[in-house]
Protein backbone atom coordinates (compact mmCIF):
# COMPACT_ATOMS: atom_id res chain seq x y z
CA MET A 1 46.88 -18.35 -7.19
CA PRO A 2 43.78 -16.49 -5.95
CA PRO A 3 43.81 -14.59 -2.68
CA PRO A 4 42.76 -17.09 0.02
CA GLY A 5 39.05 -17.14 0.71
CA ASP A 6 38.18 -14.11 -1.35
CA ASN A 7 37.65 -14.99 -4.99
CA ALA A 8 36.99 -18.71 -5.13
CA PHE A 9 33.23 -18.36 -5.78
CA GLY A 10 33.11 -14.85 -7.20
CA VAL A 11 32.33 -13.05 -3.97
CA CYS A 12 34.55 -11.06 -1.66
CA ALA A 13 34.84 -11.56 2.05
CA GLY A 14 32.64 -9.31 4.14
CA ALA A 15 30.87 -6.41 2.48
CA VAL A 16 33.75 -5.53 0.14
CA LYS A 17 32.70 -5.54 -3.52
CA HIS A 18 36.27 -5.61 -4.88
CA CYS A 19 39.29 -7.41 -3.51
CA ASP A 20 42.58 -5.71 -2.72
CA GLY A 21 45.01 -8.16 -4.33
CA PRO A 22 48.79 -8.22 -4.01
CA ASN A 23 49.17 -5.93 -7.03
CA GLY A 24 46.14 -3.65 -6.66
CA TRP A 25 42.37 -3.80 -6.82
CA LEU A 26 40.80 -6.87 -8.50
CA GLU A 27 37.40 -7.86 -9.73
CA PRO A 28 36.35 -11.16 -8.13
CA ASP A 29 37.35 -12.89 -11.40
CA TYR A 30 40.87 -11.50 -10.91
CA THR A 31 40.53 -8.77 -13.58
CA ALA A 32 42.75 -5.86 -12.58
CA ILE A 33 41.11 -2.44 -12.27
CA ALA A 34 42.58 0.98 -11.55
CA GLY A 35 40.99 1.30 -8.14
CA TYR A 36 37.89 0.71 -6.09
CA GLU A 37 34.77 1.37 -8.19
CA SER A 38 31.31 2.25 -7.06
CA SER A 39 28.96 -0.72 -6.92
CA GLU A 40 26.84 0.70 -9.74
CA LYS A 41 29.81 1.08 -12.06
CA ALA A 42 31.13 -2.35 -11.18
CA GLY A 43 27.71 -3.94 -11.61
CA CYS A 44 27.36 -2.73 -15.19
CA ASP A 45 30.89 -3.03 -16.54
CA GLY A 46 30.14 -6.12 -18.65
CA ILE A 47 32.54 -8.26 -16.63
CA ASP A 48 31.68 -11.70 -15.28
CA SER A 49 32.59 -10.69 -11.76
CA ASN A 50 31.20 -13.72 -9.98
CA CYS A 51 32.57 -16.17 -12.55
CA ASP A 52 29.27 -17.85 -13.42
CA GLY A 53 29.68 -17.43 -17.17
CA SER A 54 27.38 -14.41 -17.53
CA ALA A 55 28.18 -10.71 -17.51
CA ASP A 56 26.84 -9.06 -14.39
CA GLU A 57 23.51 -7.26 -14.24
CA ALA A 58 23.50 -6.18 -10.60
CA TYR A 59 25.28 -6.10 -7.27
CA ASP A 60 24.44 -7.57 -3.88
CA GLN A 61 21.13 -8.84 -5.19
CA ASP A 62 20.15 -10.69 -2.02
CA GLY A 63 21.27 -7.98 0.39
CA ASP A 64 23.75 -10.21 2.20
CA GLY A 65 26.77 -7.96 1.68
CA PHE A 66 28.32 -10.13 -1.03
CA TYR A 67 28.72 -9.18 -4.68
CA ASP A 68 26.57 -11.28 -7.00
CA ASP A 69 24.72 -10.75 -10.27
CA ALA A 70 21.27 -11.08 -11.77
CA ASN A 71 22.20 -14.42 -13.30
CA ALA A 72 22.82 -15.91 -9.87
CA GLN A 73 21.71 -19.47 -9.32
CA CYS A 74 18.43 -20.08 -7.57
CA ALA A 75 20.05 -21.14 -4.31
CA ALA A 76 21.72 -17.73 -3.99
CA PHE A 77 18.86 -15.51 -5.12
CA TYR A 78 16.44 -14.05 -2.61
CA GLY A 79 15.03 -11.01 -4.32
CA PRO A 80 16.11 -7.84 -6.09
CA LYS A 81 17.77 -5.97 -3.24
CA ASN A 82 20.09 -3.18 -4.41
CA LEU A 83 19.41 -4.13 -8.01
CA ILE A 84 20.92 -2.48 -11.06
CA ASP A 85 19.46 -3.51 -14.41
CA CYS A 86 22.08 -3.03 -17.13
CA ASP A 87 20.13 -4.61 -19.98
CA ASP A 88 16.55 -3.56 -20.70
CA ASP A 89 16.05 -6.72 -22.76
CA GLU A 90 16.16 -8.79 -19.58
CA PRO A 91 13.69 -8.75 -16.68
CA ASP A 92 14.38 -6.06 -14.12
CA PHE A 93 14.90 -8.66 -11.44
CA GLY A 94 17.32 -10.77 -13.48
CA LYS A 95 16.92 -14.49 -13.89
CA SER A 96 13.89 -15.83 -12.08
CA CYS A 97 14.35 -18.82 -9.87
CA VAL A 98 12.17 -21.80 -10.71
CA VAL A 99 10.57 -24.28 -8.32
CA TYR A 100 9.41 -27.42 -10.14
CA VAL A 101 6.20 -29.27 -9.21
CA ASP A 102 5.10 -32.66 -10.54
CA ASP A 103 2.70 -34.89 -8.64
CA SER A 104 4.27 -37.98 -10.24
CA ALA A 105 7.90 -37.14 -9.45
CA THR A 106 9.94 -39.67 -7.44
CA GLY A 107 13.23 -37.83 -6.92
CA LEU A 108 14.57 -35.81 -4.01
CA GLY A 109 11.50 -33.59 -3.84
CA ASP A 110 13.45 -30.39 -3.37
CA GLY A 111 11.97 -28.64 -6.43
CA THR A 112 15.31 -27.91 -8.10
CA SER A 113 14.54 -29.83 -11.32
CA TRP A 114 11.81 -31.84 -12.97
CA ALA A 115 13.45 -35.05 -11.77
CA ASN A 116 13.47 -33.74 -8.20
CA ALA A 117 10.18 -31.88 -8.37
CA ILE A 118 8.03 -31.22 -5.32
CA THR A 119 4.83 -33.26 -5.57
CA SER A 120 2.53 -30.81 -3.76
CA LEU A 121 1.81 -27.29 -4.99
CA SER A 122 1.09 -26.21 -1.41
CA ASP A 123 4.59 -27.27 -0.39
CA ALA A 124 6.12 -25.50 -3.39
CA LEU A 125 4.43 -22.28 -2.31
CA LYS A 126 6.20 -22.60 1.05
CA THR A 127 9.54 -22.80 -0.78
CA ALA A 128 9.17 -19.95 -3.28
CA LYS A 129 10.23 -16.38 -2.59
CA SER A 130 9.57 -13.06 -4.27
CA LYS A 131 10.30 -13.06 -8.03
CA TYR A 132 10.33 -16.86 -8.18
CA GLN A 133 8.39 -18.87 -10.74
CA ILE A 134 6.65 -22.16 -9.97
CA TRP A 135 6.39 -24.52 -12.95
CA VAL A 136 3.68 -27.16 -12.52
CA ALA A 137 3.42 -30.30 -14.62
CA ALA A 138 0.14 -31.77 -15.83
CA GLY A 139 -1.90 -33.34 -13.05
CA THR A 140 -4.56 -32.59 -10.47
CA TYR A 141 -3.49 -30.63 -7.40
CA ARG A 142 -5.67 -30.13 -4.33
CA PRO A 143 -5.05 -27.62 -1.55
CA ASP A 144 -5.54 -30.21 1.22
CA VAL A 145 -2.42 -32.13 0.12
CA GLY A 146 1.02 -31.32 1.50
CA VAL A 147 3.15 -31.24 4.62
CA GLY A 148 0.98 -30.33 7.60
CA ALA A 149 -2.23 -30.37 5.55
CA THR A 150 -5.35 -32.20 6.68
CA ALA A 151 -7.10 -34.30 4.06
CA GLY A 152 -10.61 -33.04 3.44
CA ASP A 153 -9.99 -29.62 4.99
CA ARG A 154 -12.40 -27.36 3.13
CA SER A 155 -10.71 -24.23 4.47
CA ALA A 156 -7.37 -25.15 2.87
CA SER A 157 -6.39 -22.98 -0.12
CA PHE A 158 -3.40 -22.42 -2.33
CA GLN A 159 -2.08 -19.17 -0.90
CA LEU A 160 -0.44 -17.18 -3.68
CA LEU A 161 2.69 -15.18 -2.90
CA PRO A 162 3.61 -11.58 -3.76
CA ASP A 163 5.57 -11.30 -7.01
CA VAL A 164 5.44 -15.06 -7.60
CA ALA A 165 4.11 -16.54 -10.86
CA ILE A 166 2.65 -20.04 -11.18
CA TYR A 167 2.85 -21.54 -14.67
CA GLY A 168 1.00 -24.74 -15.54
CA GLY A 169 0.75 -26.84 -18.67
CA PHE A 170 4.12 -28.59 -18.64
CA LYS A 171 4.75 -32.18 -19.68
CA GLY A 172 7.65 -32.32 -17.27
CA ASP A 173 10.82 -31.98 -19.32
CA GLU A 174 10.63 -28.41 -20.66
CA THR A 175 13.38 -25.88 -20.12
CA THR A 176 11.39 -22.77 -21.14
CA ILE A 177 7.86 -21.51 -20.59
CA ALA A 178 7.42 -21.20 -24.36
CA ALA A 179 7.95 -24.97 -24.75
CA ARG A 180 4.88 -25.93 -22.69
CA ASP A 181 1.46 -26.78 -24.14
CA PHE A 182 -1.18 -25.88 -21.56
CA ARG A 183 -3.99 -26.89 -23.92
CA VAL A 184 -2.73 -30.50 -23.91
CA ASN A 185 -0.97 -30.85 -20.56
CA LEU A 186 -3.75 -29.88 -18.17
CA THR A 187 -2.67 -28.56 -14.79
CA ILE A 188 -5.81 -28.62 -12.65
CA LEU A 189 -6.10 -26.86 -9.31
CA SER A 190 -9.13 -28.62 -7.93
CA GLY A 191 -11.45 -27.95 -5.04
CA ASP A 192 -13.04 -31.38 -5.45
CA LEU A 193 -11.35 -32.89 -2.41
CA LEU A 194 -13.01 -36.31 -2.75
CA GLY A 195 -12.91 -36.45 -6.54
CA ASP A 196 -16.63 -37.12 -6.78
CA ASP A 197 -18.16 -34.00 -8.36
CA GLY A 198 -21.11 -34.58 -10.65
CA PRO A 199 -22.98 -32.45 -13.19
CA SER A 200 -24.99 -29.40 -12.11
CA PHE A 201 -22.81 -28.89 -9.01
CA ALA A 202 -23.65 -32.30 -7.56
CA ASN A 203 -21.60 -33.81 -4.70
CA MET A 204 -19.85 -30.53 -3.89
CA SER A 205 -20.59 -30.31 -0.16
CA ASP A 206 -17.05 -31.53 0.56
CA ASN A 207 -15.31 -29.09 -1.80
CA SER A 208 -12.86 -26.29 -0.95
CA TYR A 209 -14.35 -22.96 0.08
CA HIS A 210 -11.70 -21.16 -2.00
CA ILE A 211 -9.23 -23.01 -4.20
CA VAL A 212 -6.82 -20.08 -4.32
CA LYS A 213 -6.23 -16.94 -2.24
CA GLY A 214 -4.69 -13.90 -3.89
CA ALA A 215 -1.56 -11.84 -3.26
CA LYS A 216 0.01 -8.65 -4.58
CA ASP A 217 1.38 -8.97 -8.13
CA ALA A 218 0.72 -12.71 -8.19
CA ARG A 219 0.18 -14.53 -11.48
CA LEU A 220 -1.65 -17.74 -12.43
CA ASP A 221 -0.89 -18.84 -15.98
CA GLY A 222 -1.91 -21.98 -17.85
CA VAL A 223 -3.93 -23.69 -15.11
CA TRP A 224 -7.50 -24.84 -14.54
CA LEU A 225 -9.46 -23.70 -11.49
CA ARG A 226 -12.28 -26.18 -10.97
CA GLY A 227 -14.70 -27.22 -8.27
CA GLY A 228 -14.57 -24.47 -5.65
CA ASN A 229 -17.63 -24.17 -3.41
CA ALA A 230 -17.59 -20.97 -1.36
CA ASN A 231 -19.75 -20.59 1.73
CA GLY A 232 -19.67 -16.90 0.88
CA ASN A 233 -17.77 -15.30 -1.99
CA GLY A 234 -15.26 -16.52 -4.58
CA GLY A 235 -15.31 -20.27 -5.11
CA ALA A 236 -12.14 -20.39 -7.23
CA LEU A 237 -10.18 -17.30 -6.14
CA ILE A 238 -10.68 -14.76 -3.39
CA SER A 239 -8.64 -11.60 -2.87
CA THR A 240 -9.37 -9.14 -0.08
CA GLY A 241 -7.12 -6.31 0.96
CA PRO A 242 -5.12 -3.49 -0.63
CA SER A 243 -3.06 -4.09 -3.79
CA MET A 244 -4.18 -7.67 -4.37
CA ASN A 245 -3.77 -7.34 -8.14
CA VAL A 246 -3.77 -10.94 -9.34
CA THR A 247 -3.28 -11.70 -13.05
CA LEU A 248 -4.91 -14.74 -14.65
CA ALA A 249 -3.65 -15.74 -18.09
CA ASN A 250 -4.36 -18.77 -20.27
CA CYS A 251 -6.60 -20.26 -17.59
CA THR A 252 -9.83 -22.24 -17.65
CA VAL A 253 -12.14 -21.48 -14.73
CA THR A 254 -15.10 -23.81 -14.53
CA ASN A 255 -17.72 -25.39 -12.28
CA ASN A 256 -17.19 -23.08 -9.32
CA VAL A 257 -20.03 -21.89 -7.11
CA ALA A 258 -20.53 -19.31 -4.37
CA SER A 259 -23.42 -18.76 -2.00
CA GLY A 260 -22.57 -15.05 -2.15
CA HIS A 261 -20.90 -13.05 -4.93
CA GLY A 262 -18.34 -14.06 -7.53
CA GLY A 263 -19.01 -17.68 -8.38
CA ALA A 264 -15.41 -18.05 -9.50
CA ILE A 265 -13.53 -14.85 -8.57
CA TYR A 266 -14.21 -12.37 -5.80
CA GLN A 267 -12.09 -9.30 -5.23
CA TYR A 268 -12.70 -6.73 -2.49
CA TRP A 269 -10.83 -3.51 -1.69
CA SER A 270 -8.05 -4.43 -4.09
CA SER A 271 -6.21 -3.35 -7.21
CA PRO A 272 -7.78 -4.44 -10.51
CA PRO A 273 -7.54 -8.08 -11.48
CA THR A 274 -6.30 -8.67 -15.02
CA VAL A 275 -7.66 -11.56 -17.09
CA VAL A 276 -5.97 -12.46 -20.39
CA ASN A 277 -6.97 -15.30 -22.75
CA CYS A 278 -9.06 -17.19 -20.21
CA ARG A 279 -12.24 -19.27 -20.37
CA PHE A 280 -14.98 -19.01 -17.75
CA VAL A 281 -17.52 -21.77 -18.17
CA GLY A 282 -20.41 -22.85 -15.96
CA ASN A 283 -19.75 -20.87 -12.79
CA LYS A 284 -22.57 -19.75 -10.49
CA ALA A 285 -23.16 -17.12 -7.81
CA SER A 286 -26.24 -16.79 -5.63
CA GLY A 287 -25.51 -13.06 -5.56
CA LYS A 288 -23.69 -10.92 -8.14
CA GLY A 289 -21.19 -11.92 -10.80
CA GLY A 290 -21.55 -15.52 -11.90
CA ALA A 291 -17.89 -15.66 -12.89
CA ILE A 292 -16.26 -12.46 -11.55
CA TYR A 293 -17.29 -9.91 -8.94
CA THR A 294 -15.31 -6.94 -7.65
CA ASP A 295 -16.37 -4.59 -4.87
CA TRP A 296 -14.62 -1.47 -3.53
CA SER A 297 -11.88 -2.28 -6.04
CA SER A 298 -10.72 -1.09 -9.39
CA ALA A 299 -12.85 -2.82 -12.00
CA PRO A 300 -11.44 -5.89 -13.76
CA ASN A 301 -9.58 -5.67 -17.06
CA VAL A 302 -10.57 -8.59 -19.28
CA TYR A 303 -8.76 -9.25 -22.55
CA GLY A 304 -9.32 -11.95 -25.17
CA SER A 305 -11.49 -14.14 -22.95
CA LEU A 306 -14.63 -16.25 -23.22
CA PHE A 307 -17.62 -16.47 -20.89
CA VAL A 308 -20.16 -19.26 -21.39
CA GLY A 309 -22.97 -20.53 -19.20
CA ASN A 310 -22.26 -18.49 -16.09
CA VAL A 311 -25.19 -17.65 -13.80
CA ALA A 312 -25.87 -14.97 -11.19
CA THR A 313 -29.02 -14.66 -9.14
CA THR A 314 -28.83 -10.86 -8.76
CA ASN A 315 -26.91 -9.22 -11.64
CA GLY A 316 -23.99 -9.73 -13.97
CA GLY A 317 -24.35 -13.27 -15.30
CA ALA A 318 -20.65 -13.31 -16.14
CA ILE A 319 -19.15 -10.16 -14.56
CA SER A 320 -20.36 -7.62 -12.02
CA ALA A 321 -18.45 -4.72 -10.48
CA THR A 322 -19.62 -2.16 -7.93
CA TRP A 323 -18.12 0.80 -6.07
CA PHE A 324 -15.04 1.26 -8.22
CA SER A 325 -13.28 4.49 -9.11
CA ASP A 326 -10.88 3.36 -11.85
CA PRO A 327 -12.69 2.26 -15.03
CA GLY A 328 -12.04 -1.20 -16.35
CA THR A 329 -12.08 -2.53 -19.89
CA ILE A 330 -13.30 -5.63 -21.70
CA VAL A 331 -11.50 -6.09 -25.01
CA ASN A 332 -11.92 -8.79 -27.68
CA SER A 333 -14.00 -11.11 -25.53
CA SER A 334 -17.03 -13.31 -26.24
CA PHE A 335 -20.11 -13.81 -24.05
CA ALA A 336 -22.85 -16.36 -24.71
CA ASN A 337 -25.53 -18.17 -22.72
CA ASN A 338 -24.83 -16.32 -19.46
CA THR A 339 -27.87 -15.40 -17.37
CA ALA A 340 -28.94 -12.98 -14.64
CA PRO A 341 -32.12 -10.96 -13.97
CA VAL A 342 -30.15 -7.75 -14.67
CA GLY A 343 -27.16 -7.58 -16.98
CA GLY A 344 -27.25 -11.08 -18.40
CA ALA A 345 -23.62 -10.79 -19.47
CA VAL A 346 -22.18 -7.90 -17.43
CA ASN A 347 -23.27 -5.28 -14.91
CA PHE A 348 -21.27 -2.19 -13.90
CA ASP A 349 -22.42 0.68 -11.71
CA SER A 350 -19.62 3.06 -12.73
CA GLU A 351 -17.67 3.99 -15.84
CA TYR A 352 -16.59 0.98 -17.92
CA GLN A 353 -15.59 0.22 -21.52
CA ILE A 354 -16.42 -2.71 -23.78
CA VAL A 355 -14.42 -2.87 -27.01
CA ASN A 356 -14.15 -5.33 -29.94
CA SER A 357 -16.39 -7.85 -28.18
CA VAL A 358 -19.34 -10.09 -29.08
CA LEU A 359 -22.35 -10.64 -26.78
CA PHE A 360 -25.27 -12.90 -27.73
CA ALA A 361 -27.90 -15.01 -25.95
CA ASN A 362 -27.27 -13.64 -22.49
CA GLY A 363 -30.76 -13.73 -21.05
CA ALA A 364 -31.84 -10.29 -19.90
CA THR A 365 -30.48 -7.10 -21.36
CA PRO A 366 -26.86 -8.13 -21.84
CA ILE A 367 -25.32 -4.99 -20.33
CA GLY A 368 -26.70 -3.73 -17.03
CA GLY A 369 -25.85 -0.77 -14.85
CA GLY A 370 -27.27 2.14 -16.81
CA SER A 371 -25.47 4.50 -19.14
CA SER A 372 -22.08 4.37 -17.41
CA THR A 373 -20.78 1.67 -19.77
CA THR A 374 -19.23 2.80 -23.07
CA VAL A 375 -19.41 0.30 -25.93
CA SER A 376 -17.54 0.51 -29.23
CA TYR A 377 -16.71 -1.76 -32.17
CA SER A 378 -18.74 -4.57 -30.62
CA SER A 379 -21.45 -6.91 -31.88
CA ILE A 380 -24.33 -7.15 -29.40
CA GLN A 381 -27.77 -8.69 -29.45
CA GLY A 382 -30.16 -5.75 -29.30
CA GLY A 383 -27.41 -3.30 -30.19
CA ALA A 384 -25.73 -0.58 -28.15
CA LEU A 385 -25.05 3.11 -28.54
CA GLY A 386 -21.50 3.94 -29.52
CA THR A 387 -19.01 3.92 -32.37
CA GLY A 388 -18.89 0.98 -34.76
CA ASN A 389 -21.37 -1.29 -32.98
CA ILE A 390 -23.43 -3.98 -34.74
CA ASN A 391 -26.96 -4.97 -33.70
CA LEU A 392 -27.19 -8.78 -33.76
CA SER A 393 -30.51 -10.48 -34.47
CA THR A 394 -29.14 -13.96 -35.14
CA SER A 395 -26.29 -15.89 -33.59
CA PRO A 396 -22.86 -14.66 -34.74
CA PHE A 397 -21.15 -17.85 -33.55
CA LEU A 398 -20.26 -21.04 -35.38
CA ASP A 399 -22.28 -23.32 -33.06
CA LEU A 400 -24.03 -21.56 -30.18
CA ASP A 401 -24.98 -24.75 -28.31
CA GLY A 402 -22.19 -27.07 -29.48
CA PRO A 403 -22.32 -30.74 -30.48
CA ASP A 404 -24.27 -31.67 -27.34
CA ASN A 405 -27.04 -29.22 -28.34
CA VAL A 406 -27.06 -27.88 -24.78
CA ALA A 407 -26.45 -24.16 -24.52
CA GLY A 408 -24.06 -22.91 -21.88
CA THR A 409 -21.65 -25.85 -21.82
CA ALA A 410 -17.97 -26.18 -22.59
CA ASP A 411 -18.46 -27.37 -26.18
CA ASP A 412 -20.30 -24.22 -27.31
CA ASP A 413 -18.28 -22.98 -30.30
CA LEU A 414 -17.91 -19.20 -30.23
CA HIS A 415 -15.65 -18.92 -33.27
CA LEU A 416 -16.91 -16.62 -36.01
CA PRO A 417 -18.11 -18.27 -39.24
CA ALA A 418 -16.75 -17.21 -42.61
CA GLY A 419 -18.36 -14.03 -43.86
CA SER A 420 -19.30 -12.77 -40.41
CA SER A 421 -19.72 -9.02 -40.07
CA SER A 422 -17.60 -9.27 -36.92
CA ILE A 423 -14.52 -10.30 -38.92
CA ASP A 424 -12.05 -7.54 -39.81
CA SER A 425 -14.25 -4.90 -38.19
CA GLY A 426 -12.70 -4.18 -34.80
CA SER A 427 -10.38 -1.37 -33.76
CA ASN A 428 -6.66 -2.15 -33.72
CA THR A 429 -5.85 0.95 -31.71
CA LEU A 430 -7.91 -0.30 -28.77
CA VAL A 431 -6.15 -3.68 -28.48
CA PRO A 432 -3.91 -3.66 -25.37
CA SER A 433 -0.27 -4.70 -25.54
CA GLU A 434 -1.00 -7.75 -23.38
CA LEU A 435 -3.19 -9.22 -26.11
CA THR A 436 -0.76 -10.56 -28.71
CA LEU A 437 -2.57 -13.88 -29.31
CA ASP A 438 -6.18 -14.96 -29.57
CA LEU A 439 -7.75 -17.67 -27.42
CA ASP A 440 -6.51 -20.38 -29.81
CA GLY A 441 -2.95 -19.06 -29.61
CA ASN A 442 -3.00 -17.46 -33.06
CA PRO A 443 -1.67 -13.94 -33.75
CA ARG A 444 -4.25 -11.37 -32.71
CA LEU A 445 -3.37 -8.63 -35.17
CA LYS A 446 -3.42 -9.78 -38.81
CA GLY A 447 -4.71 -6.76 -40.66
CA THR A 448 -7.84 -5.36 -39.02
CA VAL A 449 -8.62 -7.19 -35.80
CA ASP A 450 -11.75 -9.36 -35.54
CA ARG A 451 -14.28 -8.98 -32.75
CA GLY A 452 -14.56 -11.51 -29.96
CA ALA A 453 -12.07 -13.95 -28.47
CA PHE A 454 -11.04 -15.69 -31.70
CA GLU A 455 -9.28 -14.37 -34.77
CA LYS A 456 -10.15 -15.89 -38.13
CA PRO A 457 -7.62 -18.54 -39.33
């Protein structure tokens, strides 16, 4: 018979971490111990103290004075307060809590399962807390939809949250992130509020100013960002303020426009954005950085990504960065058919590195900004000084303008043909740990790494 009120749910009354039972000190699962233990010792003793079926990883994780562990259920988890990580193979914050989003769900709408998914991403962002994950099923999600939202409100955005990751690409029955297929199950965050966008940025006067707003240590993974129309900077994503280090992974960012800088992404006075295995296609800025622009920030780190058909009126057809102190890096990325008067592909005014990448057909001189950019093991039209670079005179890509024979569109095929000099000629030592797969999802390192976003089959 358990002590009344103390051990029934694996927590002790008040702030006591161990219960004083009739015959001595007890763990909350009634295991006898010699005496009161420190919270750190108790949290890592391998005992299932809160009786949830998992050995503990921490104590008082939510800071409420009760003993719980890192495998706590979502309803009881509010962040890693007083955390002890006993197992380095698990995340430092224990089991992440998941909020489910599916615009076709018909259940309770509380976000606790796929069946009871929240139908609005904006509403899910109001539910999530630090260290949560938001899993979003295939569908189109607009920032003007949700409780308290006004339909057609161009100023509405998906406001990201600190330490919260949004994962798209789910069919709606998966139990792990690895089970999703974001290339098939498209999760689209759309700024096209009326659903009437046409080609060449037609019918976009009603579109969102910014589809998404950034936050510290936020992550967007496996989603599309499409149809933002900024009346200034950053049509798809804007981050302004200290430490706004957003990570984009496995995303497609397309058809966004800005009257200022950063047709798709604008980051000011922030930590460096990280881009991994993403596609930027057909974005436009009337200023700098057709796809990405950073200012008074650390420069962006771009890994394994593709940039096609992005346009800037000033400089940096795809990427532009100014006034940064920490150098950024582009690794294993492909640039084609981007245009700007200066730096048709990229433009940097401070120290920057380009590694294992392929740049061709990017209008003006592909790399702008003077001699501050270091290039190595890359294939570039017109060549570049540096170690292991190849001067391209003909297209290195399988089909530069794609089946539609229009350069700068989504069907441009930037895979490397058999026999290309860019195959097996990169530098393995310069590939970052984040880049384990190529843009097709194939292993990145199979012998000597290829150049560009795609590894040979």
